[in-house]
Amino acid sequence: MGGGASEFRGQKRQGREQLEAWARSHGGPAAESATADVKKRDTHRFEQWLEGQLQVNRETLAQQNRFP
């Protein structure tokens, strides 16, 4: 009897996971349980890229003696 209940819970969980996967693949919102433990972090990729570009431009201008 215990095996039937655990089998049923497993099928129910698998069905829910399939529905959530289908929703994600078709642009639907993610289920809250799927994103509950995801930690968001700030990345400053654009700022890092921009600083790198400024550094390269400054070096280029310094080599050409056109540094303002």
PDB file of N, CA and C in Angstrom:
ATOM      1  N   MET A   1       0.818  -1.200   0.000  1.00  0.00           N
ATOM      2  CA  MET A   1       0.000   0.000   0.000  1.00  0.00           C
ATOM      3  C   MET A   1       0.860   1.262   0.000  1.00  0.00           C
ATOM      4  N   GLY A   2       1.985   1.221   0.754  1.00  0.00           N
ATOM      5  CA  GLY A   2       2.868   2.372   0.775  1.00  0.00           C
ATOM      6  C   GLY A   2       3.512   2.620  -0.568  1.00  0.00           C
ATOM      7  N   GLY A   3       3.781   1.564  -1.306  1.00  0.00           N
ATOM      8  CA  GLY A   3       4.400   1.707  -2.615  1.00  0.00           C
ATOM      9  C   GLY A   3       3.496   2.433  -3.593  1.00  0.00           C
ATOM     10  N   GLY A   4       2.203   2.185  -3.516  1.00  0.00           N
ATOM     11  CA  GLY A   4       1.265   2.845  -4.422  1.00  0.00           C
ATOM     12  C   GLY A   4       1.199   4.349  -4.189  1.00  0.00           C
ATOM     13  N   ALA A   5       1.240   4.752  -2.911  1.00  0.00           N
ATOM     14  CA  ALA A   5       1.177   6.179  -2.587  1.00  0.00           C
ATOM     15  C   ALA A   5       2.437   6.896  -3.042  1.00  0.00           C
ATOM     16  N   SER A   6       3.598   6.286  -2.809  1.00  0.00           N
ATOM     17  CA  SER A   6       4.839   6.940  -3.226  1.00  0.00           C
ATOM     18  C   SER A   6       4.956   6.973  -4.750  1.00  0.00           C
ATOM     19  N   GLU A   7       4.451   5.947  -5.404  1.00  0.00           N
ATOM     20  CA  GLU A   7       4.449   5.929  -6.869  1.00  0.00           C
ATOM     21  C   GLU A   7       3.563   7.044  -7.401  1.00  0.00           C
ATOM     22  N   PHE A   8       2.409   7.243  -6.766  1.00  0.00           N
ATOM     23  CA  PHE A   8       1.487   8.294  -7.181  1.00  0.00           C
ATOM     24  C   PHE A   8       2.134   9.670  -7.008  1.00  0.00           C
ATOM     25  N   ARG A   9       2.828   9.877  -5.859  1.00  0.00           N
ATOM     26  CA  ARG A   9       3.494  11.164  -5.625  1.00  0.00           C
ATOM     27  C   ARG A   9       4.591  11.397  -6.660  1.00  0.00           C
ATOM     28  N   GLY A  10       5.300  10.346  -7.008  1.00  0.00           N
ATOM     29  CA  GLY A  10       6.350  10.465  -8.014  1.00  0.00           C
ATOM     30  C   GLY A  10       5.789  10.851  -9.372  1.00  0.00           C
ATOM     31  N   GLN A  11       4.670  10.255  -9.741  1.00  0.00           N
ATOM     32  CA  GLN A  11       4.031  10.593 -11.018  1.00  0.00           C
ATOM     33  C   GLN A  11       3.510  12.020 -10.990  1.00  0.00           C
ATOM     34  N   LYS A  12       2.960  12.433  -9.851  1.00  0.00           N
ATOM     35  CA  LYS A  12       2.434  13.791  -9.731  1.00  0.00           C
ATOM     36  C   LYS A  12       3.576  14.806  -9.856  1.00  0.00           C
ATOM     37  N   ARG A  13       4.710  14.529  -9.188  1.00  0.00           N
ATOM     38  CA  ARG A  13       5.863  15.423  -9.264  1.00  0.00           C
ATOM     39  C   ARG A  13       6.412  15.476 -10.683  1.00  0.00           C
ATOM     40  N   GLN A  14       6.488  14.323 -11.334  1.00  0.00           N
ATOM     41  CA  GLN A  14       6.999  14.272 -12.701  1.00  0.00           C
ATOM     42  C   GLN A  14       6.081  15.056 -13.638  1.00  0.00           C
ATOM     43  N   GLY A  15       4.775  14.926 -13.457  1.00  0.00           N
ATOM     44  CA  GLY A  15       3.836  15.680 -14.281  1.00  0.00           C
ATOM     45  C   GLY A  15       3.983  17.176 -14.086  1.00  0.00           C
ATOM     46  N   ARG A  16       4.171  17.595 -12.826  1.00  0.00           N
ATOM     47  CA  ARG A  16       4.351  19.020 -12.543  1.00  0.00           C
ATOM     48  C   ARG A  16       5.637  19.522 -13.171  1.00  0.00           C
ATOM     49  N   GLU A  17       6.714  18.732 -13.072  1.00  0.00           N
ATOM     50  CA  GLU A  17       7.987  19.131 -13.668  1.00  0.00           C
ATOM     51  C   GLU A  17       7.872  19.240 -15.186  1.00  0.00           C
ATOM     52  N   GLN A  18       7.121  18.337 -15.804  1.00  0.00           N
ATOM     53  CA  GLN A  18       6.931  18.400 -17.253  1.00  0.00           C
ATOM     54  C   GLN A  18       6.156  19.656 -17.641  1.00  0.00           C
ATOM     55  N   LEU A  19       5.130  19.986 -16.871  1.00  0.00           N
ATOM     56  CA  LEU A  19       4.366  21.203 -17.165  1.00  0.00           C
ATOM     57  C   LEU A  19       5.225  22.445 -17.000  1.00  0.00           C
ATOM     58  N   GLU A  20       6.047  22.482 -15.955  1.00  0.00           N
ATOM     59  CA  GLU A  20       6.927  23.627 -15.747  1.00  0.00           C
ATOM     60  C   GLU A  20       7.956  23.738 -16.867  1.00  0.00           C
ATOM     61  N   ALA A  21       8.495  22.606 -17.295  1.00  0.00           N
ATOM     62  CA  ALA A  21       9.458  22.609 -18.396  1.00  0.00           C
ATOM     63  C   ALA A  21       8.808  23.084 -19.688  1.00  0.00           C
ATOM     64  N   TRP A  22       7.598  22.634 -19.931  1.00  0.00           N
ATOM     65  CA  TRP A  22       6.878  23.072 -21.132  1.00  0.00           C
ATOM     66  C   TRP A  22       6.648  24.578 -21.089  1.00  0.00           C
ATOM     67  N   ALA A  23       6.247  25.085 -19.930  1.00  0.00           N
ATOM     68  CA  ALA A  23       6.002  26.525 -19.793  1.00  0.00           C
ATOM     69  C   ALA A  23       7.285  27.316 -20.025  1.00  0.00           C
ATOM     70  N   ARG A  24       8.406  26.841 -19.475  1.00  0.00           N
ATOM     71  CA  ARG A  24       9.680  27.546 -19.683  1.00  0.00           C
ATOM     72  C   ARG A  24      10.085  27.542 -21.143  1.00  0.00           C
ATOM     73  N   SER A  25       9.912  26.408 -21.819  1.00  0.00           N
ATOM     74  CA  SER A  25      10.351  26.317 -23.209  1.00  0.00           C
ATOM     75  C   SER A  25       9.455  27.104 -24.150  1.00  0.00           C
ATOM     76  N   HIS A  26       8.247  27.418 -23.724  1.00  0.00           N
ATOM     77  CA  HIS A  26       7.331  28.185 -24.564  1.00  0.00           C
ATOM     78  C   HIS A  26       7.164  29.608 -24.079  1.00  0.00           C
ATOM     79  N   GLY A  27       8.104  30.098 -23.283  1.00  0.00           N
ATOM     80  CA  GLY A  27       8.109  31.497 -22.878  1.00  0.00           C
ATOM     81  C   GLY A  27       7.185  31.837 -21.738  1.00  0.00           C
ATOM     82  N   GLY A  28       6.673  30.860 -21.067  1.00  0.00           N
ATOM     83  CA  GLY A  28       5.805  31.127 -19.933  1.00  0.00           C
ATOM     84  C   GLY A  28       6.613  31.515 -18.711  1.00  0.00           C
ATOM     85  N   PRO A  29       5.961  32.047 -17.710  1.00  0.00           N
ATOM     86  CA  PRO A  29       6.690  32.426 -16.499  1.00  0.00           C
ATOM     87  C   PRO A  29       7.156  31.176 -15.757  1.00  0.00           C
ATOM     88  N   ALA A  30       8.295  31.287 -15.124  1.00  0.00           N
ATOM     89  CA  ALA A  30       8.831  30.161 -14.356  1.00  0.00           C
ATOM     90  C   ALA A  30       8.030  30.004 -13.077  1.00  0.00           C
ATOM     91  N   ALA A  31       7.885  28.789 -12.648  1.00  0.00           N
ATOM     92  CA  ALA A  31       7.176  28.534 -11.393  1.00  0.00           C
ATOM     93  C   ALA A  31       8.000  29.088 -10.240  1.00  0.00           C
ATOM     94  N   GLU A  32       7.332  29.517  -9.202  1.00  0.00           N
ATOM     95  CA  GLU A  32       8.053  30.091  -8.077  1.00  0.00           C
ATOM     96  C   GLU A  32       8.962  29.072  -7.428  1.00  0.00           C
ATOM     97  N   SER A  33       8.572  27.808  -7.429  1.00  0.00           N
ATOM     98  CA  SER A  33       9.418  26.791  -6.818  1.00  0.00           C
ATOM     99  C   SER A  33      10.717  26.620  -7.601  1.00  0.00           C
ATOM    100  N   ALA A  34      10.695  26.892  -8.885  1.00  0.00           N
ATOM    101  CA  ALA A  34      11.889  26.731  -9.709  1.00  0.00           C
ATOM    102  C   ALA A  34      12.890  27.859  -9.468  1.00  0.00           C
ATOM    103  N   THR A  35      12.420  29.031  -9.063  1.00  0.00           N
ATOM    104  CA  THR A  35      13.307  30.173  -8.868  1.00  0.00           C
ATOM    105  C   THR A  35      13.438  30.573  -7.415  1.00  0.00           C
ATOM    106  N   ALA A  36      12.886  29.793  -6.505  1.00  0.00           N
ATOM    107  CA  ALA A  36      12.879  30.168  -5.095  1.00  0.00           C
ATOM    108  C   ALA A  36      14.281  30.227  -4.508  1.00  0.00           C
ATOM    109  N   ASP A  37      15.152  29.302  -4.864  1.00  0.00           N
ATOM    110  CA  ASP A  37      16.477  29.258  -4.257  1.00  0.00           C
ATOM    111  C   ASP A  37      17.571  29.825  -5.153  1.00  0.00           C
ATOM    112  N   VAL A  38      17.197  30.497  -6.222  1.00  0.00           N
ATOM    113  CA  VAL A  38      18.186  31.076  -7.118  1.00  0.00           C
ATOM    114  C   VAL A  38      18.619  32.426  -6.567  1.00  0.00           C
ATOM    115  N   LYS A  39      19.921  32.573  -6.398  1.00  0.00           N
ATOM    116  CA  LYS A  39      20.455  33.824  -5.880  1.00  0.00           C
ATOM    117  C   LYS A  39      20.789  34.731  -7.057  1.00  0.00           C
ATOM    118  N   LYS A  40      20.276  35.935  -7.012  1.00  0.00           N
ATOM    119  CA  LYS A  40      20.578  36.894  -8.069  1.00  0.00           C
ATOM    120  C   LYS A  40      21.830  37.654  -7.674  1.00  0.00           C
ATOM    121  N   ARG A  41      22.668  37.902  -8.668  1.00  0.00           N
ATOM    122  CA  ARG A  41      23.871  38.654  -8.404  1.00  0.00           C
ATOM    123  C   ARG A  41      23.976  39.780  -9.415  1.00  0.00           C
ATOM    124  N   ASP A  42      24.530  40.859  -8.963  1.00  0.00           N
ATOM    125  CA  ASP A  42      24.729  41.990  -9.850  1.00  0.00           C
ATOM    126  C   ASP A  42      26.017  41.779 -10.629  1.00  0.00           C
ATOM    127  N   THR A  43      25.912  41.893 -11.920  1.00  0.00           N
ATOM    128  CA  THR A  43      27.098  41.861 -12.750  1.00  0.00           C
ATOM    129  C   THR A  43      27.182  43.197 -13.459  1.00  0.00           C
ATOM    130  N   HIS A  44      28.354  43.690 -13.539  1.00  0.00           N
ATOM    131  CA  HIS A  44      28.560  44.997 -14.159  1.00  0.00           C
ATOM    132  C   HIS A  44      29.385  44.813 -15.423  1.00  0.00           C
ATOM    133  N   ARG A  45      28.917  43.931 -16.270  1.00  0.00           N
ATOM    134  CA  ARG A  45      29.676  43.608 -17.478  1.00  0.00           C
ATOM    135  C   ARG A  45      29.843  44.816 -18.383  1.00  0.00           C
ATOM    136  N   PHE A  46      28.773  45.599 -18.527  1.00  0.00           N
ATOM    137  CA  PHE A  46      28.878  46.768 -19.400  1.00  0.00           C
ATOM    138  C   PHE A  46      29.887  47.756 -18.839  1.00  0.00           C
ATOM    139  N   GLU A  47      29.833  47.991 -17.538  1.00  0.00           N
ATOM    140  CA  GLU A  47      30.786  48.912 -16.924  1.00  0.00           C
ATOM    141  C   GLU A  47      32.215  48.408 -17.083  1.00  0.00           C
ATOM    142  N   GLN A  48      32.416  47.094 -16.916  1.00  0.00           N
ATOM    143  CA  GLN A  48      33.745  46.533 -17.086  1.00  0.00           C
ATOM    144  C   GLN A  48      34.206  46.675 -18.528  1.00  0.00           C
ATOM    145  N   TRP A  49      33.314  46.440 -19.474  1.00  0.00           N
ATOM    146  CA  TRP A  49      33.659  46.576 -20.889  1.00  0.00           C
ATOM    147  C   TRP A  49      34.003  48.029 -21.209  1.00  0.00           C
ATOM    148  N   LEU A  50      33.192  48.961 -20.693  1.00  0.00           N
ATOM    149  CA  LEU A  50      33.405  50.373 -20.957  1.00  0.00           C
ATOM    150  C   LEU A  50      34.732  50.845 -20.376  1.00  0.00           C
ATOM    151  N   GLU A  51      35.042  50.411 -19.164  1.00  0.00           N
ATOM    152  CA  GLU A  51      36.330  50.777 -18.573  1.00  0.00           C
ATOM    153  C   GLU A  51      37.480  50.239 -19.418  1.00  0.00           C
ATOM    154  N   GLY A  52      37.337  49.031 -19.924  1.00  0.00           N
ATOM    155  CA  GLY A  52      38.360  48.459 -20.788  1.00  0.00           C
ATOM    156  C   GLY A  52      38.528  49.257 -22.068  1.00  0.00           C
ATOM    157  N   GLN A  53      37.419  49.678 -22.660  1.00  0.00           N
ATOM    158  CA  GLN A  53      37.485  50.484 -23.879  1.00  0.00           C
ATOM    159  C   GLN A  53      38.144  51.832 -23.615  1.00  0.00           C
ATOM    160  N   LEU A  54      37.810  52.446 -22.488  1.00  0.00           N
ATOM    161  CA  LEU A  54      38.427  53.727 -22.138  1.00  0.00           C
ATOM    162  C   LEU A  54      39.928  53.566 -21.946  1.00  0.00           C
ATOM    163  N   GLN A  55      40.332  52.484 -21.299  1.00  0.00           N
ATOM    164  CA  GLN A  55      41.756  52.225 -21.083  1.00  0.00           C
ATOM    165  C   GLN A  55      42.492  52.071 -22.412  1.00  0.00           C
ATOM    166  N   VAL A  56      41.907  51.296 -23.328  1.00  0.00           N
ATOM    167  CA  VAL A  56      42.531  51.097 -24.643  1.00  0.00           C
ATOM    168  C   VAL A  56      42.615  52.422 -25.389  1.00  0.00           C
ATOM    169  N   ASN A  57      41.555  53.208 -25.353  1.00  0.00           N
ATOM    170  CA  ASN A  57      41.556  54.492 -26.059  1.00  0.00           C
ATOM    171  C   ASN A  57      42.579  55.451 -25.456  1.00  0.00           C
ATOM    172  N   ARG A  58      42.691  55.471 -24.132  1.00  0.00           N
ATOM    173  CA  ARG A  58      43.682  56.341 -23.487  1.00  0.00           C
ATOM    174  C   ARG A  58      45.098  55.934 -23.884  1.00  0.00           C
ATOM    175  N   GLU A  59      45.343  54.619 -23.899  1.00  0.00           N
ATOM    176  CA  GLU A  59      46.672  54.147 -24.292  1.00  0.00           C
ATOM    177  C   GLU A  59      46.977  54.509 -25.739  1.00  0.00           C
ATOM    178  N   THR A  60      45.981  54.381 -26.608  1.00  0.00           N
ATOM    179  CA  THR A  60      46.169  54.714 -28.026  1.00  0.00           C
ATOM    180  C   THR A  60      46.455  56.201 -28.191  1.00  0.00           C
ATOM    181  N   LEU A  61      45.697  57.033 -27.494  1.00  0.00           N
ATOM    182  CA  LEU A  61      45.916  58.475 -27.578  1.00  0.00           C
ATOM    183  C   LEU A  61      47.273  58.860 -26.995  1.00  0.00           C
ATOM    184  N   ALA A  62      47.690  58.200 -25.928  1.00  0.00           N
ATOM    185  CA  ALA A  62      48.978  58.511 -25.316  1.00  0.00           C
ATOM    186  C   ALA A  62      50.112  58.142 -26.264  1.00  0.00           C
ATOM    187  N   GLN A  63      49.972  57.051 -26.989  1.00  0.00           N
ATOM    188  CA  GLN A  63      50.998  56.642 -27.947  1.00  0.00           C
ATOM    189  C   GLN A  63      51.077  57.618 -29.107  1.00  0.00           C
ATOM    190  N   GLN A  64      49.953  58.239 -29.449  1.00  0.00           N
ATOM    191  CA  GLN A  64      49.923  59.180 -30.571  1.00  0.00           C
ATOM    192  C   GLN A  64      50.174  60.608 -30.109  1.00  0.00           C
ATOM    193  N   ASN A  65      50.445  60.784 -28.825  1.00  0.00           N
ATOM    194  CA  ASN A  65      50.671  62.111 -28.235  1.00  0.00           C
ATOM    195  C   ASN A  65      49.492  63.043 -28.448  1.00  0.00           C
ATOM    196  N   ARG A  66      48.306  62.522 -28.440  1.00  0.00           N
ATOM    197  CA  ARG A  66      47.086  63.330 -28.588  1.00  0.00           C
ATOM    198  C   ARG A  66      46.236  63.261 -27.318  1.00  0.00           C
ATOM    199  N   PHE A  67      46.843  62.951 -26.229  1.00  0.00           N
ATOM    200  CA  PHE A  67      46.078  62.809 -24.988  1.00  0.00           C
ATOM    201  C   PHE A  67      45.642  64.185 -24.500  1.00  0.00           C
ATOM    202  N   PRO A  68      44.346  64.372 -24.280  1.00  0.00           N
ATOM    203  CA  PRO A  68      43.867  65.705 -23.869  1.00  0.00           C
ATOM    204  C   PRO A  68      44.292  66.068 -22.463  1.00  0.00           C
TER     205      PRO A  68
END
